[in-house]
Protein backbone atom coordinates (compact mmCIF):
# COMPACT_ATOMS: atom_id res chain seq x y z
CA UNK A 1 17.00 90.98 99.52
CA UNK A 2 20.78 90.81 99.94
CA UNK A 3 23.30 91.01 97.13
CA UNK A 4 24.39 87.45 97.92
CA UNK A 5 20.85 86.14 97.61
CA UNK A 6 20.38 87.96 94.31
CA UNK A 7 23.54 86.37 92.92
CA UNK A 8 22.50 82.89 94.02
CA UNK A 9 19.06 83.28 92.45
CA UNK A 10 20.60 84.61 89.24
CA UNK A 11 22.95 81.63 89.13
CA UNK A 12 20.18 79.13 89.81
CA UNK A 13 18.12 80.64 86.98
CA UNK A 14 21.02 80.09 84.61
CA UNK A 15 21.68 83.77 84.01
CA UNK A 16 25.19 83.69 85.40
CA UNK A 17 27.88 81.21 84.35
CA UNK A 18 30.08 81.99 87.33
CA UNK A 19 29.06 82.74 90.90
CA UNK A 20 31.63 84.89 92.72
CA UNK A 21 30.72 85.91 96.23
CA UNK A 22 32.35 88.78 98.04
CA UNK A 23 34.44 87.34 100.91
CA UNK A 24 33.90 90.57 102.89
CA UNK A 25 30.13 90.24 102.73
CA UNK A 26 28.76 89.62 106.25
CA UNK A 27 26.67 86.69 104.98
CA UNK A 28 29.66 85.00 103.38
CA UNK A 29 30.99 82.27 105.71
CA UNK A 30 33.87 79.84 105.55
CA UNK A 31 34.05 77.08 102.97
CA UNK A 32 32.44 73.85 104.10
CA UNK A 33 33.59 70.36 103.20
CA UNK A 34 31.04 67.54 103.09
CA UNK A 35 30.93 63.93 101.93
CA UNK A 36 28.39 62.74 99.39
CA UNK A 37 28.60 58.98 99.77
CA UNK A 38 29.93 56.35 99.87
CA UNK A 39 26.61 55.30 101.40
CA UNK A 40 24.28 57.63 99.52
CA UNK A 41 21.51 56.46 97.18
CA UNK A 42 22.29 59.06 94.51
CA UNK A 43 25.92 57.99 94.09
CA UNK A 44 24.72 54.82 92.30
CA UNK A 45 27.09 52.60 94.26
CA UNK A 46 29.85 53.03 96.79
CA UNK A 47 31.30 56.24 95.36
CA UNK A 48 32.51 58.94 97.73
CA UNK A 49 32.52 62.55 96.60
CA UNK A 50 34.52 64.95 98.72
CA UNK A 51 32.75 68.24 98.03
CA UNK A 52 33.89 71.71 99.07
CA UNK A 53 31.04 74.21 99.25
CA UNK A 54 30.76 77.97 99.29
CA UNK A 55 27.22 78.14 100.61
CA UNK A 56 25.33 75.93 98.14
CA UNK A 57 27.90 76.39 95.38
CA UNK A 58 30.44 73.65 94.65
CA UNK A 59 33.98 75.00 94.71
CA UNK A 60 35.61 71.60 94.15
CA UNK A 61 34.55 67.99 93.92
CA UNK A 62 36.94 65.07 94.31
CA UNK A 63 35.63 61.56 93.51
CA UNK A 64 37.19 58.84 95.61
CA UNK A 65 36.84 55.32 94.23
CA UNK A 66 38.04 51.96 95.45
CA UNK A 67 35.46 51.05 98.09
CA UNK A 68 34.31 48.09 95.99
CA UNK A 69 37.69 47.03 94.61
CA UNK A 70 37.88 43.25 94.02
CA UNK A 71 40.90 42.78 91.78
CA UNK A 72 39.04 41.20 88.89
CA UNK A 73 41.88 41.64 86.39
CA UNK A 74 44.30 39.73 88.60
CA UNK A 75 41.57 37.18 89.26
CA UNK A 76 41.52 36.48 85.52
CA UNK A 77 45.28 36.01 85.47
CA UNK A 78 45.10 33.47 88.30
CA UNK A 79 41.92 31.57 87.34
CA UNK A 80 42.65 31.02 83.67
CA UNK A 81 40.86 31.84 80.44
CA UNK A 82 37.65 29.84 80.84
CA UNK A 83 36.97 30.20 84.55
CA UNK A 84 37.03 33.99 84.43
CA UNK A 85 33.98 34.36 82.19
CA UNK A 86 31.41 34.27 85.05
CA UNK A 87 33.40 37.03 86.75
CA UNK A 88 32.77 39.37 83.83
CA UNK A 89 29.08 39.32 84.85
CA UNK A 90 30.04 41.00 88.11
CA UNK A 91 31.63 44.06 86.49
CA UNK A 92 28.69 46.10 85.19
CA UNK A 93 26.11 43.82 86.71
CA UNK A 94 23.13 45.57 85.08
CA UNK A 95 24.29 44.38 81.62
CA UNK A 96 26.20 41.11 82.15
CA UNK A 97 25.67 39.77 78.63
CA UNK A 98 27.51 42.72 77.11
CA UNK A 99 30.44 42.04 79.44
CA UNK A 100 30.44 38.35 78.50
CA UNK A 101 30.52 39.20 74.81
CA UNK A 102 33.37 41.71 75.09
CA UNK A 103 35.55 39.15 76.90
CA UNK A 104 34.62 36.34 74.49
CA UNK A 105 35.46 38.53 71.47
CA UNK A 106 38.94 39.19 72.85
CA UNK A 107 39.61 35.47 73.41
CA UNK A 108 38.25 34.62 69.96
CA UNK A 109 40.60 37.16 68.41
CA UNK A 110 43.53 35.57 70.26
CA UNK A 111 42.55 32.05 69.22
CA UNK A 112 41.46 33.16 65.72
CA UNK A 113 38.30 31.09 65.76
CA UNK A 114 35.20 31.94 63.77
CA UNK A 115 31.85 32.28 65.52
CA UNK A 116 28.88 30.72 63.67
CA UNK A 117 26.39 33.13 62.10
CA UNK A 118 23.50 31.92 64.26
CA UNK A 119 25.52 32.55 67.42
CA UNK A 120 26.29 36.08 66.19
CA UNK A 121 22.58 36.79 65.74
CA UNK A 122 21.72 35.44 69.19
CA UNK A 123 24.48 37.58 70.68
CA UNK A 124 23.15 40.72 68.97
CA UNK A 125 19.64 39.99 70.27
CA UNK A 126 20.87 39.47 73.82
CA UNK A 127 23.15 42.51 73.78
CA UNK A 128 20.35 44.82 72.64
CA UNK A 129 17.95 43.48 75.27
CA UNK A 130 20.71 44.08 77.82
CA UNK A 131 21.21 47.64 76.54
CA UNK A 132 17.51 48.37 77.01
CA UNK A 133 17.62 46.96 80.53
CA UNK A 134 20.67 49.06 81.42
CA UNK A 135 19.06 52.25 80.10
CA UNK A 136 15.95 51.44 82.15
CA UNK A 137 18.18 51.40 85.23
CA UNK A 138 19.59 54.80 84.25
CA UNK A 139 16.15 56.28 83.65
CA UNK A 140 14.52 54.92 86.78
CA UNK A 141 17.32 55.68 89.23
CA UNK A 142 18.11 59.14 87.85
CA UNK A 143 14.42 60.05 87.94
CA UNK A 144 14.03 58.96 91.55
CA UNK A 145 17.19 60.91 92.47
CA UNK A 146 15.49 64.04 91.16
CA UNK A 147 12.12 63.32 92.76
CA UNK A 148 10.19 61.51 90.01
CA UNK A 149 9.37 58.49 92.15
CA UNK A 150 6.69 57.02 89.86
CA UNK A 151 9.14 56.73 86.96
CA UNK A 152 11.30 54.36 89.01
CA UNK A 153 8.43 51.88 89.35
CA UNK A 154 7.44 52.17 85.68
CA UNK A 155 10.96 51.44 84.40
CA UNK A 156 11.58 48.62 86.85
CA UNK A 157 8.31 47.00 85.88
CA UNK A 158 9.63 46.71 82.32
CA UNK A 159 13.02 45.55 83.54
CA UNK A 160 11.34 42.86 85.62
CA UNK A 161 9.62 41.56 82.47
CA UNK A 162 13.01 41.39 80.74
CA UNK A 163 14.47 39.55 83.75
CA UNK A 164 11.79 36.87 83.40
CA UNK A 165 12.59 36.50 79.71
CA UNK A 166 16.34 36.18 80.31
CA UNK A 167 15.67 33.69 83.09
CA UNK A 168 13.62 31.55 80.72
CA UNK A 169 16.28 31.85 77.98
CA UNK A 170 19.53 31.45 79.90
CA UNK A 171 18.46 29.89 83.19
CA UNK A 172 19.48 32.93 85.25
CA UNK A 173 17.84 36.26 85.99
CA UNK A 174 21.16 38.02 86.64
CA UNK A 175 24.79 37.12 85.98
CA UNK A 176 23.70 34.97 83.06
CA UNK A 177 27.12 33.73 81.81
CA UNK A 178 25.26 32.75 78.66
CA UNK A 179 27.95 33.73 76.16
CA UNK A 180 30.72 31.22 75.44
CA UNK A 181 34.01 31.48 73.64
CA UNK A 182 33.02 30.46 70.12
CA UNK A 183 29.30 31.22 70.45
CA UNK A 184 26.56 30.88 73.04
CA UNK A 185 25.55 28.28 75.61
CA UNK A 186 22.28 27.18 74.00
CA UNK A 187 20.17 27.70 70.92
CA UNK A 188 16.97 29.70 70.70
CA UNK A 189 13.92 28.39 72.47
CA UNK A 190 11.04 29.23 70.12
CA UNK A 191 8.52 29.93 72.88
CA UNK A 192 10.90 32.27 74.68
CA UNK A 193 11.83 33.97 71.42
CA UNK A 194 8.13 34.59 70.78
CA UNK A 195 7.75 36.10 74.27
CA UNK A 196 10.75 38.36 73.70
CA UNK A 197 9.27 39.52 70.40
CA UNK A 198 5.95 40.33 72.07
CA UNK A 199 7.74 42.36 74.75
CA UNK A 200 9.87 44.20 72.19
CA UNK A 201 6.88 45.13 70.03
CA UNK A 202 5.02 46.50 73.06
CA UNK A 203 8.01 48.35 74.49
CA UNK A 204 8.05 51.48 72.22
CA UNK A 205 4.63 52.42 73.64
CA UNK A 206 6.19 52.27 77.11
CA UNK A 207 8.98 54.61 75.96
CA UNK A 208 6.28 57.03 74.78
CA UNK A 209 4.81 56.93 78.29
CA UNK A 210 8.20 57.64 79.83
CA UNK A 211 8.59 60.66 77.59
CA UNK A 212 5.12 61.96 78.42
CA UNK A 213 6.11 61.94 82.07
CA UNK A 214 9.55 63.50 81.71
CA UNK A 215 10.49 65.15 78.41
CA UNK A 216 8.15 68.14 78.76
CA UNK A 217 8.04 68.07 82.55
CA UNK A 218 8.97 71.51 83.94
CA UNK A 219 10.86 70.14 86.93
CA UNK A 220 12.77 67.55 84.87
CA UNK A 221 13.75 70.25 82.38
CA UNK A 222 14.83 72.68 85.10
CA UNK A 223 16.99 70.05 86.77
CA UNK A 224 18.66 68.82 83.56
CA UNK A 225 18.76 71.53 80.89
CA UNK A 226 22.04 73.50 80.78
CA UNK A 227 23.34 71.40 83.67
CA UNK A 228 26.56 69.40 83.26
CA UNK A 229 27.26 70.54 79.71
CA UNK A 230 30.23 68.94 77.94
CA UNK A 231 31.68 69.98 74.61
CA UNK A 232 33.00 67.42 72.17
CA UNK A 233 36.54 68.54 73.05
CA UNK A 234 35.81 67.97 76.75
CA UNK A 235 34.62 64.44 75.99
CA UNK A 236 37.77 63.66 74.00
CA UNK A 237 39.99 65.02 76.78
CA UNK A 238 38.17 62.89 79.37
CA UNK A 239 38.05 59.76 77.14
CA UNK A 240 34.26 59.68 77.31
CA UNK A 241 32.43 57.42 74.90
CA UNK A 242 28.93 56.07 74.45
CA UNK A 243 25.83 58.20 75.16
CA UNK A 244 27.92 60.80 76.99
CA UNK A 245 29.99 61.44 73.86
CA UNK A 246 27.04 61.22 71.51
CA UNK A 247 25.09 63.63 73.70
CA UNK A 248 27.77 66.20 72.86
CA UNK A 249 27.13 65.83 69.14
CA UNK A 250 29.75 63.23 68.16
CA UNK A 251 28.33 60.40 66.07
CA UNK A 252 30.61 57.63 67.31
CA UNK A 253 29.24 54.17 67.98
CA UNK A 254 31.41 51.04 67.83
CA UNK A 255 28.52 49.09 66.35
CA UNK A 256 28.69 51.41 63.35
CA UNK A 257 32.30 52.66 63.29
CA UNK A 258 34.13 49.47 64.34
CA UNK A 259 31.46 46.79 63.86
CA UNK A 260 31.54 43.36 65.49
CA UNK A 261 29.11 40.43 65.61
CA UNK A 262 27.72 41.47 62.23
CA UNK A 263 26.36 44.86 63.35
CA UNK A 264 27.35 46.32 59.99
CA UNK A 265 24.47 44.35 58.44
CA UNK A 266 21.78 45.84 60.70
CA UNK A 267 19.72 48.92 59.97
CA UNK A 268 19.71 51.44 62.82
CA UNK A 269 20.41 55.11 63.55
CA UNK A 270 22.96 56.61 65.94
CA UNK A 271 21.23 59.39 67.92
CA UNK A 272 23.29 62.46 68.87
CA UNK A 273 22.67 65.57 70.95
CA UNK A 274 23.67 69.19 70.45
CA UNK A 275 24.50 70.94 73.74
CA UNK A 276 25.91 67.97 75.66
CA UNK A 277 24.02 68.69 78.88
CA UNK A 278 22.20 66.26 81.16
CA UNK A 279 19.02 66.65 79.11
CA UNK A 280 20.76 65.75 75.85
CA UNK A 281 22.23 62.64 77.42
CA UNK A 282 18.72 61.71 78.55
CA UNK A 283 17.31 62.16 75.05
CA UNK A 284 20.10 60.10 73.50
CA UNK A 285 19.40 57.16 75.81
CA UNK A 286 15.67 57.38 75.17
CA UNK A 287 16.26 57.15 71.42
CA UNK A 288 18.86 54.39 71.87
CA UNK A 289 16.20 52.21 73.50
CA UNK A 290 14.04 52.65 70.41
CA UNK A 291 16.97 51.74 68.15
CA UNK A 292 17.79 48.69 70.30
CA UNK A 293 14.22 47.45 69.79
CA UNK A 294 14.70 47.83 66.03
CA UNK A 295 18.00 45.91 66.04
CA UNK A 296 16.66 43.14 68.30
CA UNK A 297 13.62 42.60 66.07
CA UNK A 298 15.89 42.31 63.03
CA UNK A 299 17.96 39.69 64.87
CA UNK A 300 14.81 37.75 65.76
CA UNK A 301 13.68 37.78 62.12
CA UNK A 302 17.04 36.38 61.02
CA UNK A 303 16.86 33.63 63.63
CA UNK A 304 13.41 32.66 62.36
CA UNK A 305 14.62 32.53 58.77
CA UNK A 306 17.74 30.47 59.49
CA UNK A 307 15.83 27.82 61.49
CA UNK A 308 18.72 25.91 62.97
CA UNK A 309 22.45 25.79 62.48
CA UNK A 310 25.43 25.84 64.77
CA UNK A 311 25.26 28.14 67.77
CA UNK A 312 28.74 27.18 68.98
CA UNK A 313 32.02 26.68 67.14
CA UNK A 314 33.29 23.10 66.80
CA UNK A 315 36.95 23.81 67.50
CA UNK A 316 37.62 21.28 70.25
CA UNK A 317 40.80 23.03 71.32
CA UNK A 318 38.67 25.76 72.90
CA UNK A 319 35.04 24.63 72.89
CA UNK A 320 33.54 21.89 75.02
CA UNK A 321 31.97 18.97 73.13
CA UNK A 322 28.26 18.25 73.69
CA UNK A 323 27.83 16.62 77.09
CA UNK A 324 26.11 13.55 75.68
CA UNK A 325 29.08 12.68 73.50
CA UNK A 326 31.48 12.56 76.44
CA UNK A 327 29.54 9.55 77.77
CA UNK A 328 30.10 7.53 74.61
CA UNK A 329 33.40 8.76 73.15
CA UNK A 330 36.78 8.60 74.88
CA UNK A 331 38.12 11.18 72.39
CA UNK A 332 35.39 13.68 73.28
CA UNK A 333 35.97 13.05 76.99
CA UNK A 334 39.66 13.87 76.52
CA UNK A 335 38.74 17.06 74.66
CA UNK A 336 36.50 18.11 77.55
CA UNK A 337 39.20 17.34 80.11
CA UNK A 338 41.78 19.40 78.21
CA UNK A 339 39.48 22.39 77.70
CA UNK A 340 38.39 22.45 81.35
CA UNK A 341 41.80 21.91 82.94
CA UNK A 342 44.41 23.19 80.50
CA UNK A 343 42.97 25.34 77.73
CA UNK A 344 45.86 27.23 76.15
CA UNK A 345 45.62 30.18 73.80
CA UNK A 346 48.30 31.06 71.22
CA UNK A 347 50.97 33.59 72.12
CA UNK A 348 50.01 37.17 71.37
CA UNK A 349 47.68 39.91 72.49
CA UNK A 350 44.29 41.21 71.46
CA UNK A 351 41.96 44.08 72.29
CA UNK A 352 38.29 44.04 71.39
CA UNK A 353 35.71 46.60 72.46
CA UNK A 354 31.93 46.60 72.36
CA UNK A 355 29.46 49.46 72.58
CA UNK A 356 28.09 48.94 76.07
CA UNK A 357 25.29 51.05 77.53
CA UNK A 358 27.89 53.30 79.16
CA UNK A 359 30.48 53.57 76.40
CA UNK A 360 33.33 51.52 75.01
CA UNK A 361 33.87 48.38 77.08
CA UNK A 362 37.00 46.57 75.99
CA UNK A 363 39.17 43.67 77.12
CA UNK A 364 42.89 43.61 76.46
CA UNK A 365 44.26 40.08 76.83
CA UNK A 366 47.81 38.86 76.43
CA UNK A 367 48.89 35.22 76.24
CA UNK A 368 52.28 33.56 76.64
CA UNK A 369 50.93 30.29 75.24
CA UNK A 370 49.91 28.79 78.57
CA UNK A 371 46.54 28.26 80.23
CA UNK A 372 47.13 31.26 82.51
CA UNK A 373 46.60 34.75 81.02
CA UNK A 374 49.75 36.84 80.96
CA UNK A 375 47.66 40.02 81.27
CA UNK A 376 44.03 41.00 81.36
CA UNK A 377 42.96 44.64 81.42
CA UNK A 378 39.44 46.00 81.24
CA UNK A 379 38.76 49.33 79.56
CA UNK A 380 35.83 50.27 81.79
CA UNK A 381 33.72 53.17 80.47
CA UNK A 382 32.27 53.80 83.93
CA UNK A 383 35.68 54.85 85.24
CA UNK A 384 35.98 57.43 82.47
CA UNK A 385 32.49 58.70 83.25
CA UNK A 386 33.34 59.18 86.93
CA UNK A 387 36.38 61.30 86.13
CA UNK A 388 34.13 63.84 84.41
CA UNK A 389 32.33 64.68 87.67
CA UNK A 390 34.83 67.31 89.01
CA UNK A 391 34.70 69.39 85.84
CA UNK A 392 30.90 69.25 85.59
CA UNK A 393 30.28 69.91 89.29
CA UNK A 394 32.55 72.92 89.76
CA UNK A 395 30.56 76.14 90.04
CA UNK A 396 27.21 74.36 90.15
CA UNK A 397 24.81 74.15 93.08
CA UNK A 398 24.92 71.11 95.35
CA UNK A 399 21.52 69.95 94.11
CA UNK A 400 22.90 69.78 90.55
CA UNK A 401 25.37 67.05 91.47
CA UNK A 402 22.59 64.45 91.62
CA UNK A 403 21.52 65.23 88.05
CA UNK A 404 25.15 65.16 86.89
CA UNK A 405 25.90 61.78 88.49
CA UNK A 406 22.76 60.22 87.05
CA UNK A 407 23.33 61.60 83.55
CA UNK A 408 26.87 60.20 83.34
CA UNK A 409 25.58 56.69 84.16
CA UNK A 410 28.11 54.38 85.77
CA UNK A 411 28.15 51.28 87.95
CA UNK A 412 30.79 51.06 90.64
CA UNK A 413 31.27 47.32 90.14
CA UNK A 414 32.82 48.21 86.80
CA UNK A 415 34.71 51.27 88.07
CA UNK A 416 36.29 49.36 90.98
CA UNK A 417 36.76 46.14 89.04
């Protein structure tokens, strides 16, 4: 067995942190440059990685984004405050309700309007269901990237059930646009709420099944443990948040540290890792699904107890009147016309962030007092996650890059917004 082969095997076994091959060795060839993506199933969207290889070892990795760029921020500035809300669905399209809420919170801060308590509880319920659905995407797609094909079907079966529930609740399977400035589009349907509760109570048993298939699986452990490790300092330097930061041992969650929508009144834990590798990030997301079930059930209990109440603010400067009233009241018809055609927000700026499934998702909005936004900027956690790839990939084997990409969890619709 050659010296080169010995070194490669030692590296693959994790016994060597740095693989240095002798350039004079007869088996050592020239560096090779290959493209991973943009049309590659493991890049989780149209991401191109320009990878330079020394044999199977990654010497450098350069992510190239922009293949999906749609100019959403400028779209907001040209469409106006209200008409942009459906476009937020198309950012991270696996969790549209979280995007809706982040944008609505920023507008509500600008307008200084108070969201009714019932609307806050409905938002929390919908955001936690969305978080579970997003983590199911992570788990299923990362597993299939690493060869666990069955897991993909198990997770998507549960996601399909959640799709049916959201369809019954909001009228749309995807791109729900259910959140409104000042609250939500519609109140709770009791039958749908009961179905959601039944799904939530059954879901922890499904998480147990996922763990039986993966957590102690020798192949899953070999592909994820000690791969793509990030220290807390690395996460801070790369502006990583969410499960990627918590996987490195930092207990930072906006729902707990900078609460919104009443999250400070809910009982839940913030899971953290220790080594910050791909396996820790997996464990954090598994536990986050359990915590999301706990939060969602608390929100459902509160909705049952309140039994009615406003689900939308009544400030007619920014909120449409009930449709029925516009048929009978000229004043309400004028309010609707003004909100739809010329809704103006006070001068100023605001930034509000939510804890999305991938980290801190925030909207910075600035108003000059007209119906057209002066500036809209999205703090997209997926973009931050992508920029960690070069550091994590360098010195690893080419096969490790699939585990690294999956563990960081990003959607290119958000990165290339």
